[in-house]
């Protein structure tokens, strides 16, 4: 059985309460989770305090610790993992900005590093807010962006994960990217 089939089989076994399946699953999904983490990582500054490996581990702990192992397929698992990674980065950006704000004290920094950290956090938060706004307008298009942009899924994988046709996903992807570009003032 190929890797995809094994992952789906192990997810189903884990859904059924087989904890050994979880132990077998981790080595099979680690590489793909690392690829997803790298996609989330693009555009992040060097020296970011949260490294891709830590992002993977935090996301996996979040998935395992949720108590809900109801993953329908390999693509569904990776879609949820991608969403978890995005949320971890958003939480990290919010925390970073809160620390930089200094509890209401206005800080003036001459260090370019501090400016870069603040801009990076603002960009992550701006994209997150734009995705939330898109979700209110069209939840499906928001999910397509999450799976394609953050999850790195292909059109076909996204279609399978969402139960849509590839044509619909392609159209949603194009519309959502244009909508987000308008919201953010720059292309996605």
N, C-alpha and C. Protein backbone atom coordinates (compact mmCIF):
# COMPACT_ATOMS: atom_id res chain seq x y z
N UNK A 1 0.86 -1.19 0.00
CA UNK A 1 0.00 0.00 0.00
C UNK A 1 0.89 1.23 0.00
N UNK A 2 0.54 2.24 -0.80
CA UNK A 2 1.35 3.44 -0.88
C UNK A 2 1.22 4.29 0.38
N UNK A 3 2.04 5.32 0.46
CA UNK A 3 2.07 6.20 1.64
C UNK A 3 0.71 6.84 1.90
N UNK A 4 0.05 7.31 0.82
CA UNK A 4 -1.27 7.95 0.98
C UNK A 4 -2.27 6.98 1.57
N UNK A 5 -2.27 5.75 1.06
CA UNK A 5 -3.17 4.73 1.57
C UNK A 5 -2.86 4.37 3.01
N UNK A 6 -1.58 4.29 3.33
CA UNK A 6 -1.18 4.00 4.71
C UNK A 6 -1.62 5.10 5.67
N UNK A 7 -1.44 6.34 5.24
CA UNK A 7 -1.83 7.47 6.09
C UNK A 7 -3.33 7.43 6.36
N UNK A 8 -4.11 7.23 5.31
CA UNK A 8 -5.56 7.17 5.49
C UNK A 8 -5.94 6.00 6.39
N UNK A 9 -5.32 4.83 6.17
CA UNK A 9 -5.60 3.65 7.00
C UNK A 9 -5.26 3.93 8.46
N UNK A 10 -4.10 4.54 8.72
CA UNK A 10 -3.69 4.84 10.09
C UNK A 10 -4.59 5.89 10.73
N UNK A 11 -5.03 6.87 9.95
CA UNK A 11 -5.96 7.87 10.47
C UNK A 11 -7.27 7.22 10.90
N UNK A 12 -7.74 6.29 10.08
CA UNK A 12 -8.98 5.58 10.44
C UNK A 12 -8.79 4.74 11.69
N UNK A 13 -7.63 4.09 11.78
CA UNK A 13 -7.36 3.28 12.98
C UNK A 13 -7.28 4.16 14.21
N UNK A 14 -6.63 5.30 14.06
CA UNK A 14 -6.52 6.25 15.18
C UNK A 14 -7.91 6.76 15.55
N UNK A 15 -8.73 7.07 14.54
CA UNK A 15 -10.12 7.48 14.79
C UNK A 15 -10.85 6.43 15.63
N UNK A 16 -10.50 5.16 15.37
CA UNK A 16 -11.14 4.06 16.11
C UNK A 16 -10.54 3.83 17.48
N UNK A 17 -9.58 4.65 17.88
CA UNK A 17 -9.01 4.54 19.22
C UNK A 17 -7.68 3.81 19.31
N UNK A 18 -7.10 3.43 18.20
CA UNK A 18 -5.82 2.70 18.19
C UNK A 18 -4.67 3.69 18.36
N UNK A 19 -4.12 3.76 19.57
CA UNK A 19 -3.04 4.71 19.85
C UNK A 19 -1.73 4.32 19.16
N UNK A 20 -1.54 3.04 18.88
CA UNK A 20 -0.34 2.62 18.17
C UNK A 20 -0.34 3.19 16.74
N UNK A 21 -1.52 3.36 16.18
CA UNK A 21 -1.63 3.94 14.84
C UNK A 21 -1.05 5.35 14.83
N UNK A 22 -1.26 6.08 15.92
CA UNK A 22 -0.70 7.43 16.03
C UNK A 22 0.83 7.39 15.99
N UNK A 23 1.42 6.42 16.69
CA UNK A 23 2.88 6.28 16.68
C UNK A 23 3.40 5.97 15.28
N UNK A 24 2.66 5.18 14.52
CA UNK A 24 3.07 4.83 13.16
C UNK A 24 2.82 5.99 12.19
N UNK A 25 1.85 6.81 12.51
CA UNK A 25 1.46 7.91 11.64
C UNK A 25 2.50 9.02 11.59
N UNK A 26 3.07 9.36 12.73
CA UNK A 26 3.98 10.52 12.82
C UNK A 26 5.10 10.48 11.80
N UNK A 27 5.85 9.36 11.67
CA UNK A 27 6.93 9.38 10.67
C UNK A 27 6.42 9.54 9.23
N UNK A 28 5.21 9.07 8.97
CA UNK A 28 4.67 9.16 7.61
C UNK A 28 4.22 10.58 7.26
N UNK A 29 3.76 11.34 8.24
CA UNK A 29 3.24 12.68 7.96
C UNK A 29 4.26 13.78 8.21
N UNK A 30 5.35 13.46 8.86
CA UNK A 30 6.32 14.49 9.25
C UNK A 30 6.86 15.27 8.05
N UNK A 31 7.24 14.57 7.01
CA UNK A 31 7.81 15.24 5.83
C UNK A 31 6.83 16.22 5.20
N UNK A 32 5.58 15.80 5.07
CA UNK A 32 4.57 16.68 4.47
C UNK A 32 4.27 17.85 5.40
N UNK A 33 4.24 17.60 6.70
CA UNK A 33 4.01 18.70 7.65
C UNK A 33 5.17 19.69 7.58
N UNK A 34 6.37 19.20 7.37
CA UNK A 34 7.52 20.08 7.24
C UNK A 34 7.39 20.95 5.98
N UNK A 35 6.90 20.37 4.89
CA UNK A 35 6.69 21.13 3.66
C UNK A 35 5.63 22.21 3.88
N UNK A 36 4.57 21.87 4.59
CA UNK A 36 3.52 22.85 4.90
C UNK A 36 4.09 23.96 5.77
N UNK A 37 4.90 23.59 6.77
CA UNK A 37 5.51 24.59 7.65
C UNK A 37 6.41 25.53 6.85
N UNK A 38 7.16 25.00 5.89
CA UNK A 38 8.00 25.85 5.05
C UNK A 38 7.15 26.82 4.24
N UNK A 39 5.99 26.38 3.76
CA UNK A 39 5.10 27.29 3.02
C UNK A 39 4.60 28.40 3.93
N UNK A 40 4.26 28.05 5.16
CA UNK A 40 3.84 29.07 6.12
C UNK A 40 5.00 30.01 6.42
N UNK A 41 6.18 29.48 6.34
CA UNK A 41 7.38 30.21 6.73
C UNK A 41 7.85 31.20 5.71
N UNK A 42 7.46 31.02 4.45
CA UNK A 42 7.98 31.93 3.42
C UNK A 42 7.57 33.36 3.77
N UNK A 43 8.52 34.24 3.60
CA UNK A 43 8.28 35.64 3.92
C UNK A 43 8.57 35.99 5.37
N UNK A 44 8.85 35.00 6.21
CA UNK A 44 9.18 35.29 7.60
C UNK A 44 10.64 35.76 7.64
N UNK A 45 10.95 36.58 8.59
CA UNK A 45 12.32 37.11 8.70
C UNK A 45 13.25 36.04 9.28
N UNK A 46 14.53 36.21 9.00
CA UNK A 46 15.53 35.33 9.60
C UNK A 46 15.60 35.58 11.10
N UNK A 47 15.86 34.54 11.86
CA UNK A 47 15.97 34.70 13.30
C UNK A 47 14.63 34.75 14.01
N UNK A 48 13.57 34.39 13.30
CA UNK A 48 12.23 34.33 13.91
C UNK A 48 12.32 33.44 15.13
N UNK A 49 11.69 33.84 16.22
CA UNK A 49 11.83 33.09 17.47
C UNK A 49 11.12 31.74 17.43
N UNK A 50 10.20 31.55 16.53
CA UNK A 50 9.52 30.27 16.38
C UNK A 50 10.04 29.63 15.10
N UNK A 51 10.72 28.51 15.22
CA UNK A 51 11.33 27.86 14.07
C UNK A 51 10.36 26.85 13.45
N UNK A 52 10.55 26.49 12.15
CA UNK A 52 9.63 25.57 11.48
C UNK A 52 9.44 24.25 12.23
N UNK A 53 10.51 23.69 12.77
CA UNK A 53 10.37 22.42 13.50
C UNK A 53 9.48 22.59 14.72
N UNK A 54 9.63 23.69 15.43
CA UNK A 54 8.78 23.96 16.59
C UNK A 54 7.34 24.16 16.14
N UNK A 55 7.15 24.78 14.98
CA UNK A 55 5.81 24.97 14.44
C UNK A 55 5.15 23.62 14.15
N UNK A 56 5.90 22.72 13.55
CA UNK A 56 5.38 21.37 13.26
C UNK A 56 4.98 20.67 14.55
N UNK A 57 5.87 20.71 15.53
CA UNK A 57 5.60 20.02 16.79
C UNK A 57 4.41 20.61 17.52
N UNK A 58 4.32 21.93 17.54
CA UNK A 58 3.17 22.57 18.20
C UNK A 58 1.87 22.20 17.49
N UNK A 59 1.91 22.21 16.17
CA UNK A 59 0.70 21.86 15.40
C UNK A 59 0.31 20.40 15.66
N UNK A 60 1.29 19.51 15.67
CA UNK A 60 0.99 18.09 15.89
C UNK A 60 0.42 17.88 17.29
N UNK A 61 1.01 18.57 18.27
CA UNK A 61 0.47 18.46 19.63
C UNK A 61 -0.95 18.98 19.71
N UNK A 62 -1.21 20.04 18.97
CA UNK A 62 -2.56 20.61 18.95
C UNK A 62 -3.54 19.61 18.32
N UNK A 63 -3.11 18.95 17.24
CA UNK A 63 -3.97 17.97 16.58
C UNK A 63 -4.23 16.75 17.46
N UNK A 64 -3.16 16.27 18.08
CA UNK A 64 -3.28 15.08 18.93
C UNK A 64 -4.01 15.41 20.22
N UNK A 65 -3.75 16.58 20.75
CA UNK A 65 -4.33 16.97 22.04
C UNK A 65 -5.77 17.42 21.96
N UNK A 66 -6.29 17.60 20.75
CA UNK A 66 -7.66 18.09 20.62
C UNK A 66 -8.68 17.04 21.05
N UNK A 67 -8.25 15.78 21.07
CA UNK A 67 -9.16 14.72 21.44
C UNK A 67 -10.11 14.33 20.33
N UNK A 68 -10.08 15.06 19.22
CA UNK A 68 -10.95 14.76 18.09
C UNK A 68 -10.08 14.30 16.93
N UNK A 69 -9.98 13.02 16.76
CA UNK A 69 -9.17 12.45 15.69
C UNK A 69 -10.03 12.12 14.48
N UNK A 70 -11.09 12.85 14.26
CA UNK A 70 -12.04 12.56 13.19
C UNK A 70 -11.59 13.03 11.82
N UNK A 71 -10.43 12.59 11.39
CA UNK A 71 -9.92 12.98 10.08
C UNK A 71 -10.43 12.00 9.03
N UNK A 72 -11.08 12.51 8.02
CA UNK A 72 -11.70 11.67 7.00
C UNK A 72 -10.68 11.08 6.02
N UNK A 73 -9.59 11.81 5.80
CA UNK A 73 -8.61 11.37 4.82
C UNK A 73 -7.27 12.05 5.09
N UNK A 74 -6.29 11.65 4.31
CA UNK A 74 -4.96 12.25 4.37
C UNK A 74 -5.06 13.76 4.11
N UNK A 75 -5.79 14.16 3.07
CA UNK A 75 -5.91 15.57 2.73
C UNK A 75 -6.60 16.35 3.85
N UNK A 76 -7.60 15.74 4.46
CA UNK A 76 -8.30 16.40 5.56
C UNK A 76 -7.33 16.63 6.73
N UNK A 77 -6.52 15.64 7.04
CA UNK A 77 -5.54 15.77 8.12
C UNK A 77 -4.58 16.93 7.84
N UNK A 78 -4.04 16.98 6.62
CA UNK A 78 -3.08 18.03 6.29
C UNK A 78 -3.75 19.40 6.24
N UNK A 79 -5.00 19.45 5.84
CA UNK A 79 -5.73 20.73 5.84
C UNK A 79 -5.89 21.24 7.27
N UNK A 80 -6.24 20.36 8.19
CA UNK A 80 -6.39 20.76 9.59
C UNK A 80 -5.03 21.13 10.18
N UNK A 81 -3.99 20.39 9.81
CA UNK A 81 -2.63 20.70 10.28
C UNK A 81 -2.20 22.08 9.80
N UNK A 82 -2.50 22.41 8.55
CA UNK A 82 -2.16 23.71 8.01
C UNK A 82 -2.88 24.82 8.74
N UNK A 83 -4.16 24.61 9.02
CA UNK A 83 -4.93 25.60 9.76
C UNK A 83 -4.35 25.80 11.16
N UNK A 84 -3.96 24.70 11.79
CA UNK A 84 -3.35 24.79 13.13
C UNK A 84 -2.05 25.59 13.07
N UNK A 85 -1.23 25.36 12.06
CA UNK A 85 0.03 26.10 11.92
C UNK A 85 -0.23 27.58 11.72
N UNK A 86 -1.21 27.89 10.89
CA UNK A 86 -1.55 29.30 10.67
C UNK A 86 -1.97 29.95 11.98
N UNK A 87 -2.79 29.27 12.76
CA UNK A 87 -3.26 29.84 14.02
C UNK A 87 -2.10 30.02 15.01
N UNK A 88 -1.17 29.10 15.02
CA UNK A 88 0.00 29.21 15.90
C UNK A 88 0.82 30.44 15.51
N UNK A 89 1.03 30.66 14.20
CA UNK A 89 1.77 31.83 13.75
C UNK A 89 1.04 33.12 14.07
N UNK A 90 -0.29 33.12 13.93
CA UNK A 90 -1.07 34.31 14.26
C UNK A 90 -0.96 34.60 15.76
N UNK A 91 -1.10 33.57 16.58
CA UNK A 91 -0.96 33.76 18.03
C UNK A 91 0.42 34.29 18.38
N UNK A 92 1.44 33.77 17.71
CA UNK A 92 2.81 34.21 17.95
C UNK A 92 2.98 35.67 17.56
N UNK A 93 2.39 36.05 16.41
CA UNK A 93 2.48 37.45 15.96
C UNK A 93 1.76 38.38 16.93
N UNK A 94 0.58 37.98 17.39
CA UNK A 94 -0.15 38.80 18.35
C UNK A 94 0.65 38.98 19.63
N UNK A 95 1.24 37.89 20.11
CA UNK A 95 2.05 37.94 21.32
C UNK A 95 3.27 38.83 21.13
N UNK A 96 3.89 38.71 19.96
CA UNK A 96 5.08 39.52 19.67
C UNK A 96 4.73 41.00 19.65
N UNK A 97 3.61 41.36 19.02
CA UNK A 97 3.21 42.77 19.00
C UNK A 97 2.84 43.26 20.39
N UNK A 98 2.21 42.43 21.18
CA UNK A 98 1.85 42.83 22.54
C UNK A 98 3.10 43.12 23.36
N UNK A 99 4.12 42.29 23.22
CA UNK A 99 5.39 42.52 23.94
C UNK A 99 6.05 43.80 23.45
N UNK A 100 5.99 44.04 22.15
CA UNK A 100 6.63 45.22 21.58
C UNK A 100 5.92 46.51 21.99
N UNK A 101 4.64 46.40 22.27
CA UNK A 101 3.88 47.59 22.65
C UNK A 101 4.27 48.10 24.03
N UNK A 102 4.80 47.23 24.86
CA UNK A 102 5.30 47.65 26.17
C UNK A 102 4.23 48.13 27.13
N UNK A 103 3.05 47.56 27.04
CA UNK A 103 2.00 47.90 28.00
C UNK A 103 1.57 49.35 27.93
N UNK A 104 1.54 49.93 26.74
CA UNK A 104 1.06 51.31 26.61
C UNK A 104 2.17 52.33 26.51
N UNK A 105 3.40 51.97 26.84
CA UNK A 105 4.53 52.88 26.74
C UNK A 105 4.95 52.94 25.29
N UNK A 106 5.09 54.12 24.74
CA UNK A 106 5.52 54.27 23.36
C UNK A 106 7.02 54.10 23.31
N UNK A 107 7.45 53.12 22.52
CA UNK A 107 8.87 52.84 22.41
C UNK A 107 9.36 53.30 21.05
N UNK A 108 10.51 53.94 21.03
CA UNK A 108 11.13 54.34 19.78
C UNK A 108 12.41 53.53 19.66
N UNK A 109 12.51 52.78 18.57
CA UNK A 109 13.66 51.91 18.38
C UNK A 109 14.46 52.37 17.18
N UNK A 110 15.75 52.32 17.32
CA UNK A 110 16.63 52.63 16.20
C UNK A 110 17.15 51.35 15.57
N UNK A 111 16.69 50.24 16.07
CA UNK A 111 17.14 48.95 15.60
C UNK A 111 16.25 48.47 14.46
N UNK A 112 16.83 48.24 13.28
CA UNK A 112 16.06 47.76 12.13
C UNK A 112 15.43 46.41 12.42
N UNK A 113 16.05 45.61 13.26
CA UNK A 113 15.52 44.29 13.61
C UNK A 113 14.15 44.42 14.26
N UNK A 114 13.99 45.37 15.18
CA UNK A 114 12.70 45.56 15.85
C UNK A 114 11.63 45.99 14.86
N UNK A 115 12.01 46.84 13.91
CA UNK A 115 11.07 47.29 12.90
C UNK A 115 10.64 46.11 12.04
N UNK A 116 11.58 45.24 11.66
CA UNK A 116 11.27 44.07 10.84
C UNK A 116 10.35 43.11 11.58
N UNK A 117 10.59 42.91 12.86
CA UNK A 117 9.74 42.03 13.67
C UNK A 117 8.32 42.57 13.71
N UNK A 118 8.19 43.85 13.94
CA UNK A 118 6.86 44.44 14.01
C UNK A 118 6.15 44.36 12.66
N UNK A 119 6.86 44.62 11.57
CA UNK A 119 6.24 44.57 10.24
C UNK A 119 5.80 43.15 9.92
N UNK A 120 6.64 42.17 10.22
CA UNK A 120 6.29 40.77 9.97
C UNK A 120 5.03 40.39 10.73
N UNK A 121 4.98 40.75 12.00
CA UNK A 121 3.81 40.43 12.82
C UNK A 121 2.57 41.13 12.25
N UNK A 122 2.72 42.36 11.82
CA UNK A 122 1.58 43.09 11.26
C UNK A 122 1.11 42.44 9.96
N UNK A 123 2.05 41.96 9.13
CA UNK A 123 1.67 41.31 7.87
C UNK A 123 0.89 40.02 8.14
N UNK A 124 1.36 39.23 9.10
CA UNK A 124 0.66 37.98 9.46
C UNK A 124 -0.73 38.30 9.96
N UNK A 125 -0.84 39.30 10.82
CA UNK A 125 -2.14 39.66 11.37
C UNK A 125 -3.05 40.26 10.30
N UNK A 126 -2.49 41.05 9.38
CA UNK A 126 -3.30 41.62 8.30
C UNK A 126 -3.86 40.52 7.42
N UNK A 127 -3.04 39.54 7.07
CA UNK A 127 -3.52 38.42 6.26
C UNK A 127 -4.58 37.64 7.02
N UNK A 128 -4.36 37.41 8.30
CA UNK A 128 -5.35 36.69 9.10
C UNK A 128 -6.68 37.45 9.14
N UNK A 129 -6.62 38.76 9.33
CA UNK A 129 -7.86 39.57 9.37
C UNK A 129 -8.56 39.55 8.00
N UNK A 130 -7.77 39.61 6.93
CA UNK A 130 -8.35 39.56 5.59
C UNK A 130 -9.02 38.21 5.35
N UNK A 131 -8.40 37.13 5.81
CA UNK A 131 -9.01 35.81 5.67
C UNK A 131 -10.28 35.68 6.49
N UNK A 132 -10.29 36.28 7.69
CA UNK A 132 -11.51 36.28 8.50
C UNK A 132 -12.63 37.04 7.79
N UNK A 133 -12.28 38.17 7.17
CA UNK A 133 -13.27 38.95 6.44
C UNK A 133 -13.79 38.17 5.23
N UNK A 134 -12.88 37.49 4.53
CA UNK A 134 -13.29 36.66 3.40
C UNK A 134 -14.19 35.53 3.87
N UNK A 135 -13.88 34.96 5.01
CA UNK A 135 -14.69 33.87 5.54
C UNK A 135 -16.13 34.32 5.80
N UNK A 136 -16.30 35.55 6.25
CA UNK A 136 -17.65 36.09 6.48
C UNK A 136 -18.40 36.27 5.17
N UNK A 137 -17.66 36.62 4.11
CA UNK A 137 -18.27 36.84 2.80
C UNK A 137 -18.50 35.50 2.09
N UNK A 138 -17.48 34.62 2.14
CA UNK A 138 -17.56 33.34 1.43
C UNK A 138 -16.62 32.35 2.12
N UNK A 139 -17.19 31.54 2.98
CA UNK A 139 -16.39 30.59 3.77
C UNK A 139 -15.63 29.60 2.88
N UNK A 140 -16.26 29.15 1.80
CA UNK A 140 -15.61 28.17 0.93
C UNK A 140 -14.35 28.75 0.31
N UNK A 141 -14.41 29.98 -0.16
CA UNK A 141 -13.22 30.59 -0.77
C UNK A 141 -12.12 30.77 0.27
N UNK A 142 -12.49 31.07 1.48
CA UNK A 142 -11.52 31.19 2.57
C UNK A 142 -10.82 29.85 2.81
N UNK A 143 -11.57 28.77 2.81
CA UNK A 143 -10.97 27.43 2.99
C UNK A 143 -10.05 27.08 1.83
N UNK A 144 -10.45 27.47 0.62
CA UNK A 144 -9.60 27.21 -0.55
C UNK A 144 -8.26 27.92 -0.37
N UNK A 145 -8.28 29.17 0.08
CA UNK A 145 -7.03 29.90 0.30
C UNK A 145 -6.19 29.20 1.37
N UNK A 146 -6.80 28.83 2.47
CA UNK A 146 -6.05 28.14 3.53
C UNK A 146 -5.37 26.89 3.00
N UNK A 147 -6.10 26.08 2.27
CA UNK A 147 -5.55 24.81 1.79
C UNK A 147 -4.51 25.01 0.70
N UNK A 148 -4.75 25.96 -0.21
CA UNK A 148 -3.81 26.18 -1.30
C UNK A 148 -2.59 26.98 -0.84
N UNK A 149 -2.81 28.12 -0.21
CA UNK A 149 -1.71 29.02 0.13
C UNK A 149 -0.91 28.50 1.32
N UNK A 150 -1.59 28.16 2.38
CA UNK A 150 -0.90 27.72 3.58
C UNK A 150 -0.60 26.22 3.57
N UNK A 151 -1.56 25.44 3.12
CA UNK A 151 -1.38 23.99 3.13
C UNK A 151 -0.57 23.46 1.98
N UNK A 152 -0.46 24.26 0.92
CA UNK A 152 0.32 23.82 -0.23
C UNK A 152 -0.35 22.70 -1.02
N UNK A 153 -1.66 22.52 -0.82
CA UNK A 153 -2.35 21.47 -1.56
C UNK A 153 -2.55 21.92 -3.01
N UNK A 154 -2.53 20.95 -3.90
CA UNK A 154 -2.80 21.23 -5.31
C UNK A 154 -4.29 21.52 -5.49
N UNK A 155 -4.65 21.93 -6.68
CA UNK A 155 -6.06 22.15 -7.00
C UNK A 155 -6.85 20.85 -6.75
N UNK A 156 -6.31 19.74 -7.24
CA UNK A 156 -7.00 18.45 -7.12
C UNK A 156 -7.12 18.02 -5.66
N UNK A 157 -6.05 18.19 -4.88
CA UNK A 157 -6.08 17.82 -3.46
C UNK A 157 -7.07 18.69 -2.69
N UNK A 158 -7.10 19.97 -3.02
CA UNK A 158 -8.04 20.89 -2.38
C UNK A 158 -9.47 20.48 -2.73
N UNK A 159 -9.69 20.16 -3.99
CA UNK A 159 -11.03 19.74 -4.42
C UNK A 159 -11.47 18.49 -3.66
N UNK A 160 -10.57 17.54 -3.52
CA UNK A 160 -10.90 16.31 -2.78
C UNK A 160 -11.19 16.61 -1.31
N UNK A 161 -10.36 17.45 -0.70
CA UNK A 161 -10.54 17.76 0.73
C UNK A 161 -11.86 18.48 0.99
N UNK A 162 -12.30 19.28 0.03
CA UNK A 162 -13.53 20.07 0.21
C UNK A 162 -14.74 19.44 -0.46
N UNK A 163 -14.53 18.36 -1.20
CA UNK A 163 -15.64 17.72 -1.89
C UNK A 163 -16.18 18.55 -3.05
N UNK A 164 -15.28 19.22 -3.75
CA UNK A 164 -15.66 20.09 -4.87
C UNK A 164 -14.99 19.61 -6.14
N UNK A 165 -15.39 20.18 -7.26
CA UNK A 165 -14.70 19.89 -8.52
C UNK A 165 -13.45 20.75 -8.61
N UNK A 166 -12.49 20.29 -9.41
CA UNK A 166 -11.25 21.05 -9.61
C UNK A 166 -11.55 22.40 -10.28
N UNK A 167 -12.55 22.45 -11.15
CA UNK A 167 -12.92 23.69 -11.83
C UNK A 167 -13.43 24.71 -10.80
N UNK A 168 -14.25 24.26 -9.87
CA UNK A 168 -14.77 25.15 -8.83
C UNK A 168 -13.65 25.68 -7.95
N UNK A 169 -12.72 24.80 -7.59
CA UNK A 169 -11.59 25.23 -6.75
C UNK A 169 -10.74 26.25 -7.50
N UNK A 170 -10.49 26.01 -8.78
CA UNK A 170 -9.69 26.94 -9.58
C UNK A 170 -10.37 28.32 -9.62
N UNK A 171 -11.66 28.32 -9.86
CA UNK A 171 -12.40 29.59 -9.91
C UNK A 171 -12.39 30.29 -8.55
N UNK A 172 -12.65 29.53 -7.48
CA UNK A 172 -12.64 30.10 -6.12
C UNK A 172 -11.26 30.66 -5.78
N UNK A 173 -10.22 29.95 -6.15
CA UNK A 173 -8.84 30.37 -5.88
C UNK A 173 -8.54 31.70 -6.57
N UNK A 174 -8.94 31.83 -7.83
CA UNK A 174 -8.69 33.07 -8.57
C UNK A 174 -9.46 34.24 -7.97
N UNK A 175 -10.71 34.03 -7.65
CA UNK A 175 -11.53 35.09 -7.07
C UNK A 175 -11.01 35.48 -5.69
N UNK A 176 -10.69 34.49 -4.87
CA UNK A 176 -10.21 34.77 -3.51
C UNK A 176 -8.88 35.52 -3.53
N UNK A 177 -7.98 35.14 -4.43
CA UNK A 177 -6.70 35.85 -4.52
C UNK A 177 -6.91 37.30 -4.91
N UNK A 178 -7.79 37.56 -5.85
CA UNK A 178 -8.07 38.94 -6.25
C UNK A 178 -8.70 39.71 -5.10
N UNK A 179 -9.62 39.09 -4.39
CA UNK A 179 -10.29 39.73 -3.26
C UNK A 179 -9.28 40.08 -2.17
N UNK A 180 -8.40 39.13 -1.85
CA UNK A 180 -7.38 39.37 -0.82
C UNK A 180 -6.37 40.42 -1.25
N UNK A 181 -6.00 40.42 -2.52
CA UNK A 181 -5.07 41.43 -3.03
C UNK A 181 -5.66 42.83 -2.84
N UNK A 182 -6.95 42.96 -3.11
CA UNK A 182 -7.61 44.25 -2.91
C UNK A 182 -7.62 44.62 -1.44
N UNK A 183 -7.93 43.66 -0.57
CA UNK A 183 -7.99 43.92 0.87
C UNK A 183 -6.62 44.30 1.45
N UNK A 184 -5.60 43.60 0.99
CA UNK A 184 -4.26 43.79 1.54
C UNK A 184 -3.47 44.89 0.82
N UNK A 185 -3.93 45.25 -0.36
CA UNK A 185 -3.20 46.26 -1.13
C UNK A 185 -1.98 45.71 -1.81
N UNK A 186 -1.87 44.36 -1.84
CA UNK A 186 -0.77 43.72 -2.55
C UNK A 186 -1.19 42.31 -2.91
N UNK A 187 -0.61 41.76 -4.01
CA UNK A 187 -1.02 40.43 -4.45
C UNK A 187 -0.63 39.33 -3.46
N UNK A 188 -1.44 38.30 -3.44
CA UNK A 188 -1.17 37.12 -2.59
C UNK A 188 -0.34 36.14 -3.36
